C-alpha atoms as a PDB file:
ATOM      1  CA  MET A   1      94.116 117.820  74.929  1.00  0.00           C
ATOM      2  CA  PHE A   2      92.241 114.574  75.668  1.00  0.00           C
ATOM      3  CA  ALA A   3      94.076 112.778  72.834  1.00  0.00           C
ATOM      4  CA  GLU A   4      97.421 113.784  74.341  1.00  0.00           C
ATOM      5  CA  LEU A   5      96.572 111.895  77.531  1.00  0.00           C
ATOM      6  CA  PHE A   6      96.859 108.600  75.694  1.00  0.00           C
ATOM      7  CA  THR A   7     100.269 108.850  74.050  1.00  0.00           C
ATOM      8  CA  PRO A   8     102.423 105.724  74.621  1.00  0.00           C
ATOM      9  CA  GLU A   9     104.688 107.705  76.976  1.00  0.00           C
ATOM     10  CA  GLN A  10     101.760 108.881  79.091  1.00  0.00           C
ATOM     11  CA  LEU A  11     100.204 105.408  79.177  1.00  0.00           C
ATOM     12  CA  THR A  12     103.544 104.075  80.493  1.00  0.00           C
ATOM     13  CA  ILE A  13     103.646 106.807  83.156  1.00  0.00           C
ATOM     14  CA  LEU A  14     100.020 106.061  84.075  1.00  0.00           C
ATOM     15  CA  GLY A  15     100.879 102.356  84.457  1.00  0.00           C
ATOM     16  CA  GLN A  16     103.837 103.211  86.715  1.00  0.00           C
ATOM     17  CA  ILE A  17     101.663 105.475  88.875  1.00  0.00           C
ATOM     18  CA  ILE A  18      98.947 102.813  89.251  1.00  0.00           C
ATOM     19  CA  PHE A  19     101.414 100.092  90.304  1.00  0.00           C
ATOM     20  CA  ILE A  20     103.250 102.434  92.693  1.00  0.00           C
ATOM     21  CA  ASP A  21      99.911 103.384  94.265  1.00  0.00           C
ATOM     22  CA  LEU A  22      98.753  99.756  94.480  1.00  0.00           C
ATOM     23  CA  VAL A  23     101.881  98.694  96.338  1.00  0.00           C
ATOM     24  CA  LEU A  24     102.360 101.747  98.561  1.00  0.00           C
ATOM     25  CA  ALA A  25      98.913 103.170  99.406  1.00  0.00           C
ATOM     26  CA  GLY A  26      97.656 100.166 101.366  1.00  0.00           C
ATOM     27  CA  ASP A  27      99.882 100.741 104.408  1.00  0.00           C
ATOM     28  CA  ASN A  28      98.480 104.220 105.031  1.00  0.00           C
ATOM     29  CA  ALA A  29      94.894 102.959 104.991  1.00  0.00           C
ATOM     30  CA  ILE A  30      95.752 100.095 107.348  1.00  0.00           C
ATOM     31  CA  ILE A  31      97.187 102.638 109.830  1.00  0.00           C
ATOM     32  CA  ILE A  32      93.954 104.687 109.651  1.00  0.00           C
ATOM     33  CA  GLY A  33      91.928 101.488 110.193  1.00  0.00           C
ATOM     34  CA  MET A  34      94.082 100.479 113.182  1.00  0.00           C
ATOM     35  CA  VAL A  35      93.684 103.900 114.823  1.00  0.00           C
ATOM     36  CA  ALA A  36      89.914 103.958 114.186  1.00  0.00           C
ATOM     37  CA  SER A  37      89.459 100.429 115.555  1.00  0.00           C
ATOM     38  CA  LYS A  38      90.535 101.586 119.035  1.00  0.00           C
ATOM     39  CA  PHE A  39      87.453 103.847 119.247  1.00  0.00           C
ATOM     40  CA  PRO A  40      83.753 103.170 119.923  1.00  0.00           C
ATOM     41  CA  VAL A  41      81.687 102.417 116.793  1.00  0.00           C
ATOM     42  CA  GLU A  42      79.973 105.839 116.681  1.00  0.00           C
ATOM     43  CA  GLN A  43      83.321 107.655 116.740  1.00  0.00           C
ATOM     44  CA  ARG A  44      85.042 105.294 114.292  1.00  0.00           C
ATOM     45  CA  LYS A  45      83.474 106.787 111.157  1.00  0.00           C
ATOM     46  CA  LYS A  46      84.398 110.308 112.314  1.00  0.00           C
ATOM     47  CA  VAL A  47      88.029 109.277 112.913  1.00  0.00           C
ATOM     48  CA  ILE A  48      88.204 107.675 109.439  1.00  0.00           C
ATOM     49  CA  PHE A  49      86.491 110.664 107.752  1.00  0.00           C
ATOM     50  CA  TRP A  50      88.605 113.376 109.429  1.00  0.00           C
ATOM     51  CA  GLY A  51      91.759 111.272 109.345  1.00  0.00           C
ATOM     52  CA  ILE A  52      91.457 110.676 105.598  1.00  0.00           C
ATOM     53  CA  GLY A  53      90.376 114.313 105.033  1.00  0.00           C
ATOM     54  CA  GLY A  54      93.501 115.560 106.780  1.00  0.00           C
ATOM     55  CA  ALA A  55      95.651 112.984 105.007  1.00  0.00           C
ATOM     56  CA  VAL A  56      94.256 114.134 101.625  1.00  0.00           C
ATOM     57  CA  ILE A  57      95.229 117.782 102.286  1.00  0.00           C
ATOM     58  CA  LEU A  58      98.643 116.673 103.558  1.00  0.00           C
ATOM     59  CA  ARG A  59      99.152 114.437 100.493  1.00  0.00           C
ATOM     60  CA  ILE A  60      98.210 117.253  98.059  1.00  0.00           C
ATOM     61  CA  ILE A  61     100.680 119.684  99.695  1.00  0.00           C
ATOM     62  CA  LEU A  62     103.467 117.060  99.844  1.00  0.00           C
ATOM     63  CA  THR A  63     102.974 115.901  96.250  1.00  0.00           C
ATOM     64  CA  MET A  64     102.917 119.396  94.759  1.00  0.00           C
ATOM     65  CA  LEU A  65     105.988 120.368  96.807  1.00  0.00           C
ATOM     66  CA  THR A  66     107.817 117.181  95.775  1.00  0.00           C
ATOM     67  CA  ALA A  67     106.924 117.635  92.089  1.00  0.00           C
ATOM     68  CA  TYR A  68     108.353 121.171  92.248  1.00  0.00           C
ATOM     69  CA  LEU A  69     111.499 120.097  94.130  1.00  0.00           C
ATOM     70  CA  LEU A  70     112.174 117.247  91.678  1.00  0.00           C
ATOM     71  CA  GLN A  71     112.605 119.851  88.922  1.00  0.00           C
ATOM     72  CA  ILE A  72     115.712 121.167  90.742  1.00  0.00           C
ATOM     73  CA  THR A  73     118.999 119.649  89.559  1.00  0.00           C
ATOM     74  CA  GLY A  74     120.663 117.653  92.331  1.00  0.00           C
ATOM     75  CA  LEU A  75     117.426 116.877  94.171  1.00  0.00           C
ATOM     76  CA  ARG A  76     116.414 114.304  91.548  1.00  0.00           C
ATOM     77  CA  LEU A  77     119.598 112.396  92.425  1.00  0.00           C
ATOM     78  CA  VAL A  78     118.668 112.484  96.132  1.00  0.00           C
ATOM     79  CA  GLY A  79     115.073 111.483  95.306  1.00  0.00           C
ATOM     80  CA  GLY A  80     116.288 108.606  93.130  1.00  0.00           C
ATOM     81  CA  LEU A  81     118.604 107.324  95.864  1.00  0.00           C
ATOM     82  CA  LEU A  82     115.755 107.535  98.390  1.00  0.00           C
ATOM     83  CA  LEU A  83     113.558 105.539  96.007  1.00  0.00           C
ATOM     84  CA  LEU A  84     116.303 102.885  95.689  1.00  0.00           C
ATOM     85  CA  TYR A  85     116.196 102.512  99.474  1.00  0.00           C
ATOM     86  CA  ILE A  86     112.376 102.258  99.299  1.00  0.00           C
ATOM     87  CA  VAL A  87     112.750  99.508  96.637  1.00  0.00           C
ATOM     88  CA  TYR A  88     115.060  97.597  99.004  1.00  0.00           C
ATOM     89  CA  LYS A  89     112.629  98.047 101.927  1.00  0.00           C
ATOM     90  CA  LEU A  90     109.695  96.930  99.766  1.00  0.00           C
ATOM     91  CA  TYR A  91     111.648  93.878  98.622  1.00  0.00           C
ATOM     92  CA  THR A  92     112.393  92.785 102.197  1.00  0.00           C
ATOM     93  CA  ASP A  93     108.929  93.674 103.566  1.00  0.00           C
ATOM     94  CA  VAL A  94     106.548  92.712 100.763  1.00  0.00           C
ATOM     95  CA  ILE A  95     108.363  90.195  98.553  1.00  0.00           C
ATOM     96  CA  LYS A  96     110.344  88.317 101.211  1.00  0.00           C
ATOM     97  CA  GLY A  97     107.668  88.886 103.841  1.00  0.00           C
ATOM     98  CA  GLN A  98     109.992  89.958 106.648  1.00  0.00           C
ATOM     99  CA  SER A  99     107.848  92.910 107.656  1.00  0.00           C
ATOM    100  CA  ASP A 100     107.668  93.624 111.355  1.00  0.00           C
ATOM    101  CA  GLU A 101     104.059  94.509 112.041  1.00  0.00           C
ATOM    102  CA  GLU A 102     104.277  97.881 113.710  1.00  0.00           C
ATOM    103  CA  ASP A 103     101.664  98.348 116.404  1.00  0.00           C
ATOM    104  CA  VAL A 104     100.686 101.988 116.365  1.00  0.00           C
ATOM    105  CA  LYS A 105     100.294 103.383 119.879  1.00  0.00           C
ATOM    106  CA  VAL A 106      96.894 105.061 120.024  1.00  0.00           C
ATOM    107  CA  ASP A 107      95.677 107.301 122.818  1.00  0.00           C
ATOM    108  CA  ASN A 108      91.919 106.782 122.502  1.00  0.00           C
ATOM    109  CA  SER A 109      91.119 109.284 125.251  1.00  0.00           C
ATOM    110  CA  SER A 110      90.741 112.082 122.722  1.00  0.00           C
ATOM    111  CA  PHE A 111      89.280 112.365 119.242  1.00  0.00           C
ATOM    112  CA  MET A 112      91.799 115.083 118.280  1.00  0.00           C
ATOM    113  CA  LYS A 113      94.711 112.911 119.459  1.00  0.00           C
ATOM    114  CA  ALA A 114      93.453 110.121 117.172  1.00  0.00           C
ATOM    115  CA  ILE A 115      93.329 112.480 114.174  1.00  0.00           C
ATOM    116  CA  TRP A 116      96.847 113.680 115.050  1.00  0.00           C
ATOM    117  CA  THR A 117      98.037 110.026 115.192  1.00  0.00           C
ATOM    118  CA  VAL A 118      96.557 109.388 111.727  1.00  0.00           C
ATOM    119  CA  LEU A 119      98.160 112.548 110.269  1.00  0.00           C
ATOM    120  CA  LEU A 120     101.540 111.788 111.821  1.00  0.00           C
ATOM    121  CA  ALA A 121     101.453 108.185 110.584  1.00  0.00           C
ATOM    122  CA  ASP A 122     100.357 109.322 107.121  1.00  0.00           C
ATOM    123  CA  PHE A 123     103.107 111.958 106.993  1.00  0.00           C
ATOM    124  CA  THR A 124     105.837 109.459 107.881  1.00  0.00           C
ATOM    125  CA  MET A 125     104.465 106.807 105.502  1.00  0.00           C
ATOM    126  CA  SER A 126     103.570 109.132 102.603  1.00  0.00           C
ATOM    127  CA  LEU A 127     107.122 109.969 101.530  1.00  0.00           C
ATOM    128  CA  ASP A 128     107.542 106.760  99.513  1.00  0.00           C
ATOM    129  CA  ASN A 129     104.166 107.157  97.798  1.00  0.00           C
ATOM    130  CA  VAL A 130     104.515 110.885  97.110  1.00  0.00           C
ATOM    131  CA  LEU A 131     108.112 110.538  95.876  1.00  0.00           C
ATOM    132  CA  GLY A 132     107.236 107.555  93.672  1.00  0.00           C
ATOM    133  CA  VAL A 133     104.177 109.198  92.088  1.00  0.00           C
ATOM    134  CA  ALA A 134     105.829 112.638  91.662  1.00  0.00           C
ATOM    135  CA  GLY A 135     108.970 111.003  90.215  1.00  0.00           C
ATOM    136  CA  ALA A 136     106.976 108.879  87.765  1.00  0.00           C
ATOM    137  CA  ALA A 137     104.734 111.773  86.680  1.00  0.00           C
ATOM    138  CA  GLY A 138     107.620 114.194  86.065  1.00  0.00           C
ATOM    139  CA  ASP A 139     106.154 117.363  84.567  1.00  0.00           C
ATOM    140  CA  HIS A 140     102.909 115.662  83.471  1.00  0.00           C
ATOM    141  CA  TYR A 141     100.749 117.476  86.032  1.00  0.00           C
ATOM    142  CA  MET A 142      97.421 115.968  84.899  1.00  0.00           C
ATOM    143  CA  LEU A 143      98.877 112.498  85.491  1.00  0.00           C
ATOM    144  CA  LEU A 144     100.276 113.693  88.827  1.00  0.00           C
ATOM    145  CA  ILE A 145      96.789 114.819  89.902  1.00  0.00           C
ATOM    146  CA  PHE A 146      95.345 111.498  88.700  1.00  0.00           C
ATOM    147  CA  GLY A 147      97.998 109.553  90.644  1.00  0.00           C
ATOM    148  CA  LEU A 148      97.283 111.615  93.738  1.00  0.00           C
ATOM    149  CA  ALA A 149      93.514 111.079  93.450  1.00  0.00           C
ATOM    150  CA  LEU A 150      94.045 107.353  92.880  1.00  0.00           C
ATOM    151  CA  SER A 151      96.257 106.955  95.953  1.00  0.00           C
ATOM    152  CA  ILE A 152      93.628 108.760  98.059  1.00  0.00           C
ATOM    153  CA  VAL A 153      90.805 106.554  96.720  1.00  0.00           C
ATOM    154  CA  LEU A 154      92.904 103.435  97.334  1.00  0.00           C
ATOM    155  CA  MET A 155      93.819 104.630 100.823  1.00  0.00           C
ATOM    156  CA  ALA A 156      90.184 105.393 101.655  1.00  0.00           C
ATOM    157  CA  THR A 157      88.498 102.309 100.237  1.00  0.00           C
ATOM    158  CA  ALA A 158      90.571  99.323  99.298  1.00  0.00           C
ATOM    159  CA  ALA A 159      93.482  98.903 101.721  1.00  0.00           C
ATOM    160  CA  ASN A 160      92.552  95.454 103.006  1.00  0.00           C
ATOM    161  CA  LEU A 161      91.634  94.223  99.541  1.00  0.00           C
ATOM    162  CA  ILE A 162      94.943  95.473  98.072  1.00  0.00           C
ATOM    163  CA  SER A 163      97.079  94.034 100.862  1.00  0.00           C
ATOM    164  CA  GLY A 164      95.258  90.715 100.324  1.00  0.00           C
ATOM    165  CA  TRP A 165      95.971  90.856  96.568  1.00  0.00           C
ATOM    166  CA  ILE A 166      99.643  91.619  97.164  1.00  0.00           C
ATOM    167  CA  LYS A 167      99.947  88.627  99.529  1.00  0.00           C
ATOM    168  CA  LYS A 168      98.083  86.351  97.095  1.00  0.00           C
ATOM    169  CA  TYR A 169      99.491  87.606  93.774  1.00  0.00           C
ATOM    170  CA  LYS A 170     103.197  88.346  94.193  1.00  0.00           C
ATOM    171  CA  TRP A 171     103.426  89.708  90.618  1.00  0.00           C
ATOM    172  CA  ILE A 172     101.568  92.886  91.740  1.00  0.00           C
ATOM    173  CA  ALA A 173     104.289  93.564  94.316  1.00  0.00           C
ATOM    174  CA  TRP A 174     107.021  92.780  91.730  1.00  0.00           C
ATOM    175  CA  ALA A 175     105.364  95.114  89.180  1.00  0.00           C
ATOM    176  CA  GLY A 176     105.176  97.901  91.745  1.00  0.00           C
ATOM    177  CA  LEU A 177     108.789  97.287  92.755  1.00  0.00           C
ATOM    178  CA  LEU A 178     109.895  97.416  89.112  1.00  0.00           C
ATOM    179  CA  ALA A 179     107.914 100.641  88.483  1.00  0.00           C
ATOM    180  CA  ILE A 180     109.592 102.344  91.470  1.00  0.00           C
ATOM    181  CA  LEU A 181     113.016 101.044  90.391  1.00  0.00           C
ATOM    182  CA  VAL A 182     112.527 102.488  86.877  1.00  0.00           C
ATOM    183  CA  VAL A 183     111.527 105.876  88.359  1.00  0.00           C
ATOM    184  CA  ALA A 184     114.566 105.825  90.707  1.00  0.00           C
ATOM    185  CA  VAL A 185     116.989 105.028  87.852  1.00  0.00           C
ATOM    186  CA  GLU A 186     115.434 107.729  85.613  1.00  0.00           C
ATOM    187  CA  LEU A 187     115.730 110.368  88.367  1.00  0.00           C
ATOM    188  CA  ILE A 188     119.368 109.436  89.105  1.00  0.00           C
ATOM    189  CA  TYR A 189     120.315 109.255  85.406  1.00  0.00           C
ATOM    190  CA  THR A 190     118.692 112.653  84.643  1.00  0.00           C
ATOM    191  CA  ASP A 191     120.815 114.397  87.277  1.00  0.00           C
ATOM    192  CA  ILE A 192     124.035 112.489  86.529  1.00  0.00           C
ATOM    193  CA  LYS A 193     123.656 113.442  82.850  1.00  0.00           C
ATOM    194  CA  ILE A 194     123.252 117.150  83.773  1.00  0.00           C
ATOM    195  CA  LEU A 195     125.895 117.241  86.508  1.00  0.00           C
ATOM    196  CA  PHE A 196     128.670 115.019  85.125  1.00  0.00           C
ATOM    197  CA  LEU A 197     128.205 114.300  81.406  1.00  0.00           C
END
């Protein structure tokens, strides 16, 4: 089983997952950091811990659901088209640098409200990551789990470092963009082939 993990096809999928995670996971972590920064120091670690804990559970549910849904004919086409839009958004935000910095409104009167803000932000920002990783992994569930774990680790630890890399080394953003584009085209082509050819 271990030897199967390193077939050329699976190494390609693994590469796609890593680049998709590198480009997309940073935003989620920055949101968690922004929410936590509005709290006193002693509460900050709790907000980050519970926020990431909740985001992990949410991400697992979303990814497994997406992986299942992408097996249904017709939904791959929709997923691929959504990913094409994400590629366009990434191009304008990351490559051309026209991103409008969204200031997340945080009610720091309540710890639970902060966790809710993190979960809501993660839910709205996870679609691109979940769709990209689930689309790239296909029915390779071990790689899907690896991609999921990687995005969580990146979200929890290296957001600022990754966003710095992407600003400094544009090729990382281009590689991520290309990986998502390939996944989008594959999803669209798979459904077009089944539905029309």
